[in-house]
C-alpha cells in the first residue's frame, strides 16, 4: 500500500489457492494461537521428521549399492536428497532455536534461501 508521498507503508499478501505457504509461516504477524497453533506446529514437525527419515533412507540406499551410483540420474538424485535433507534439518532446528533472536532468524533465512 502506498501513502500520499508514494512510499510503501505496508505489504499485503494474497493467494487464490488454499495452499498458501505464507499462512503456515505467519507472514502477516497474526500467529495461529491455541489449539490451531499447536496442531500446525505438531503437524509440521511430524511431517518434516518423516521427510528427513525418507531422505536419509534414500541417501543410504543409493550410497550402499554401487550399481545404483553408476548413472547420472542417480547422482542427481543424491544431490537433491542431500540438499533437501540439509534444508529440512535447518528448518526444523531454526523453528525451535531462533524464536525471539532477530539476527539468528535472518541468518537462518539467508541459509535456507541459498
C-alpha atoms as a PDB file:
ATOM      1  CA  UNK A   1       0.000   0.000   0.000  1.00  0.00           C
ATOM      2  CA  UNK A   2       1.372   3.395  -0.987  1.00  0.00           C
ATOM      3  CA  UNK A   3       0.857   6.544   1.052  1.00  0.00           C
ATOM      4  CA  UNK A   4       0.404  10.097  -0.311  1.00  0.00           C
ATOM      5  CA  UNK A   5       4.177  10.562  -0.684  1.00  0.00           C
ATOM      6  CA  UNK A   6       4.440   7.396  -2.780  1.00  0.00           C
ATOM      7  CA  UNK A   7       6.231   5.378  -0.103  1.00  0.00           C
ATOM      8  CA  UNK A   8       5.331   1.784   0.664  1.00  0.00           C
ATOM      9  CA  UNK A   9       3.638   1.635   4.070  1.00  0.00           C
ATOM     10  CA  UNK A  10       2.566  -1.998   4.135  1.00  0.00           C
ATOM     11  CA  UNK A  11       2.585  -5.129   2.038  1.00  0.00           C
ATOM     12  CA  UNK A  12      -0.476  -7.341   1.674  1.00  0.00           C
ATOM     13  CA  UNK A  13      -0.042 -10.963   0.632  1.00  0.00           C
ATOM     14  CA  UNK A  14      -2.858 -12.638  -1.255  1.00  0.00           C
ATOM     15  CA  UNK A  15      -3.191 -16.037  -2.849  1.00  0.00           C
ATOM     16  CA  UNK A  16      -6.001 -17.506  -4.974  1.00  0.00           C
ATOM     17  CA  UNK A  17      -5.466 -21.050  -3.662  1.00  0.00           C
ATOM     18  CA  UNK A  18      -5.703 -22.749  -0.277  1.00  0.00           C
ATOM     19  CA  UNK A  19      -2.107 -23.993  -0.083  1.00  0.00           C
ATOM     20  CA  UNK A  20      -0.588 -20.631   0.749  1.00  0.00           C
ATOM     21  CA  UNK A  21       2.735 -21.338   2.463  1.00  0.00           C
ATOM     22  CA  UNK A  22       2.739 -17.835   3.940  1.00  0.00           C
ATOM     23  CA  UNK A  23      -0.216 -18.843   6.120  1.00  0.00           C
ATOM     24  CA  UNK A  24       1.890 -21.601   7.648  1.00  0.00           C
ATOM     25  CA  UNK A  25       4.895 -19.399   8.394  1.00  0.00           C
ATOM     26  CA  UNK A  26       2.835 -16.451   9.660  1.00  0.00           C
ATOM     27  CA  UNK A  27       3.772 -13.731   7.173  1.00  0.00           C
ATOM     28  CA  UNK A  28       1.040 -11.428   8.489  1.00  0.00           C
ATOM     29  CA  UNK A  29       2.187 -11.329  12.093  1.00  0.00           C
ATOM     30  CA  UNK A  30      -1.054 -12.896  13.325  1.00  0.00           C
ATOM     31  CA  UNK A  31       0.114 -16.238  14.645  1.00  0.00           C
ATOM     32  CA  UNK A  32      -2.314 -19.103  14.958  1.00  0.00           C
ATOM     33  CA  UNK A  33      -2.928 -19.484  18.667  1.00  0.00           C
ATOM     34  CA  UNK A  34      -4.446 -22.056  20.924  1.00  0.00           C
ATOM     35  CA  UNK A  35      -5.247 -25.466  19.592  1.00  0.00           C
ATOM     36  CA  UNK A  36      -4.816 -24.387  15.940  1.00  0.00           C
ATOM     37  CA  UNK A  37      -1.283 -23.170  16.545  1.00  0.00           C
ATOM     38  CA  UNK A  38      -0.373 -26.302  18.465  1.00  0.00           C
ATOM     39  CA  UNK A  39      -1.863 -28.536  15.764  1.00  0.00           C
ATOM     40  CA  UNK A  40       0.033 -26.734  12.993  1.00  0.00           C
ATOM     41  CA  UNK A  41       3.285 -26.993  14.949  1.00  0.00           C
ATOM     42  CA  UNK A  42       2.837 -30.706  15.603  1.00  0.00           C
ATOM     43  CA  UNK A  43       1.830 -31.498  12.018  1.00  0.00           C
ATOM     44  CA  UNK A  44       4.776 -29.505  10.649  1.00  0.00           C
ATOM     45  CA  UNK A  45       7.270 -31.175  12.964  1.00  0.00           C
ATOM     46  CA  UNK A  46       5.988 -34.722  12.409  1.00  0.00           C
ATOM     47  CA  UNK A  47       5.837 -34.377   8.621  1.00  0.00           C
ATOM     48  CA  UNK A  48       9.284 -32.761   8.490  1.00  0.00           C
ATOM     49  CA  UNK A  49      10.775 -35.580  10.555  1.00  0.00           C
ATOM     50  CA  UNK A  50       9.116 -38.190   8.310  1.00  0.00           C
ATOM     51  CA  UNK A  51      10.542 -36.418   5.268  1.00  0.00           C
ATOM     52  CA  UNK A  52      14.013 -36.407   6.850  1.00  0.00           C
ATOM     53  CA  UNK A  53      13.767 -40.141   7.504  1.00  0.00           C
ATOM     54  CA  UNK A  54      12.723 -40.799   3.902  1.00  0.00           C
ATOM     55  CA  UNK A  55      15.529 -38.641   2.523  1.00  0.00           C
ATOM     56  CA  UNK A  56      18.069 -40.326   4.797  1.00  0.00           C
ATOM     57  CA  UNK A  57      16.899 -43.772   3.654  1.00  0.00           C
ATOM     58  CA  UNK A  58      17.164 -42.669   0.009  1.00  0.00           C
ATOM     59  CA  UNK A  59      20.721 -41.445   0.569  1.00  0.00           C
ATOM     60  CA  UNK A  60      21.645 -44.593   2.494  1.00  0.00           C
ATOM     61  CA  UNK A  61      20.226 -46.880  -0.190  1.00  0.00           C
ATOM     62  CA  UNK A  62      21.956 -45.127  -3.076  1.00  0.00           C
ATOM     63  CA  UNK A  63      25.302 -44.928  -1.312  1.00  0.00           C
ATOM     64  CA  UNK A  64      25.165 -48.571  -0.176  1.00  0.00           C
ATOM     65  CA  UNK A  65      24.733 -50.095  -3.631  1.00  0.00           C
ATOM     66  CA  UNK A  66      27.426 -49.270  -6.163  1.00  0.00           C
ATOM     67  CA  UNK A  67      25.329 -50.227  -9.161  1.00  0.00           C
ATOM     68  CA  UNK A  68      22.778 -47.554  -8.183  1.00  0.00           C
ATOM     69  CA  UNK A  69      25.518 -44.897  -8.267  1.00  0.00           C
ATOM     70  CA  UNK A  70      26.643 -45.566 -11.842  1.00  0.00           C
ATOM     71  CA  UNK A  71      24.124 -43.392 -13.662  1.00  0.00           C
ATOM     72  CA  UNK A  72      23.898 -39.619 -13.883  1.00  0.00           C
ATOM     73  CA  UNK A  73      20.247 -39.534 -12.711  1.00  0.00           C
ATOM     74  CA  UNK A  74      21.302 -41.347  -9.559  1.00  0.00           C
ATOM     75  CA  UNK A  75      23.967 -38.717  -8.870  1.00  0.00           C
ATOM     76  CA  UNK A  76      21.364 -36.020  -9.388  1.00  0.00           C
ATOM     77  CA  UNK A  77      19.001 -37.804  -7.004  1.00  0.00           C
ATOM     78  CA  UNK A  78      21.715 -37.969  -4.347  1.00  0.00           C
ATOM     79  CA  UNK A  79      22.499 -34.262  -4.723  1.00  0.00           C
ATOM     80  CA  UNK A  80      18.826 -33.377  -4.486  1.00  0.00           C
ATOM     81  CA  UNK A  81      18.277 -35.635  -1.470  1.00  0.00           C
ATOM     82  CA  UNK A  82      21.287 -34.164   0.372  1.00  0.00           C
ATOM     83  CA  UNK A  83      20.176 -30.621  -0.390  1.00  0.00           C
ATOM     84  CA  UNK A  84      16.608 -31.243   0.753  1.00  0.00           C
ATOM     85  CA  UNK A  85      17.789 -33.040   3.892  1.00  0.00           C
ATOM     86  CA  UNK A  86      20.091 -30.165   4.871  1.00  0.00           C
ATOM     87  CA  UNK A  87      17.370 -27.580   4.200  1.00  0.00           C
ATOM     88  CA  UNK A  88      14.790 -29.559   6.170  1.00  0.00           C
ATOM     89  CA  UNK A  89      17.116 -30.088   9.121  1.00  0.00           C
ATOM     90  CA  UNK A  90      17.971 -26.389   9.089  1.00  0.00           C
ATOM     91  CA  UNK A  91      14.255 -25.552   9.011  1.00  0.00           C
ATOM     92  CA  UNK A  92      13.482 -27.885  11.930  1.00  0.00           C
ATOM     93  CA  UNK A  93      16.363 -26.625  14.049  1.00  0.00           C
ATOM     94  CA  UNK A  94      15.658 -22.999  13.189  1.00  0.00           C
ATOM     95  CA  UNK A  95      11.984 -23.239  14.048  1.00  0.00           C
ATOM     96  CA  UNK A  96      12.882 -24.470  17.520  1.00  0.00           C
ATOM     97  CA  UNK A  97      16.003 -22.392  18.261  1.00  0.00           C
ATOM     98  CA  UNK A  98      15.791 -18.956  16.628  1.00  0.00           C
ATOM     99  CA  UNK A  99      12.467 -17.829  18.043  1.00  0.00           C
ATOM    100  CA  UNK A 100      12.999 -14.351  19.503  1.00  0.00           C
ATOM    101  CA  UNK A 101      16.500 -13.865  18.062  1.00  0.00           C
ATOM    102  CA  UNK A 102      16.205 -11.480  15.109  1.00  0.00           C
ATOM    103  CA  UNK A 103      19.782 -11.779  13.833  1.00  0.00           C
ATOM    104  CA  UNK A 104      19.807 -15.550  14.102  1.00  0.00           C
ATOM    105  CA  UNK A 105      16.440 -15.690  12.357  1.00  0.00           C
ATOM    106  CA  UNK A 106      17.741 -13.554   9.497  1.00  0.00           C
ATOM    107  CA  UNK A 107      20.882 -15.693   9.166  1.00  0.00           C
ATOM    108  CA  UNK A 108      18.752 -18.828   9.033  1.00  0.00           C
ATOM    109  CA  UNK A 109      16.540 -17.284   6.349  1.00  0.00           C
ATOM    110  CA  UNK A 110      19.623 -16.499   4.261  1.00  0.00           C
ATOM    111  CA  UNK A 111      20.935 -20.049   4.663  1.00  0.00           C
ATOM    112  CA  UNK A 112      17.575 -21.517   3.717  1.00  0.00           C
ATOM    113  CA  UNK A 113      17.439 -19.286   0.652  1.00  0.00           C
ATOM    114  CA  UNK A 114      20.832 -20.378  -0.632  1.00  0.00           C
END
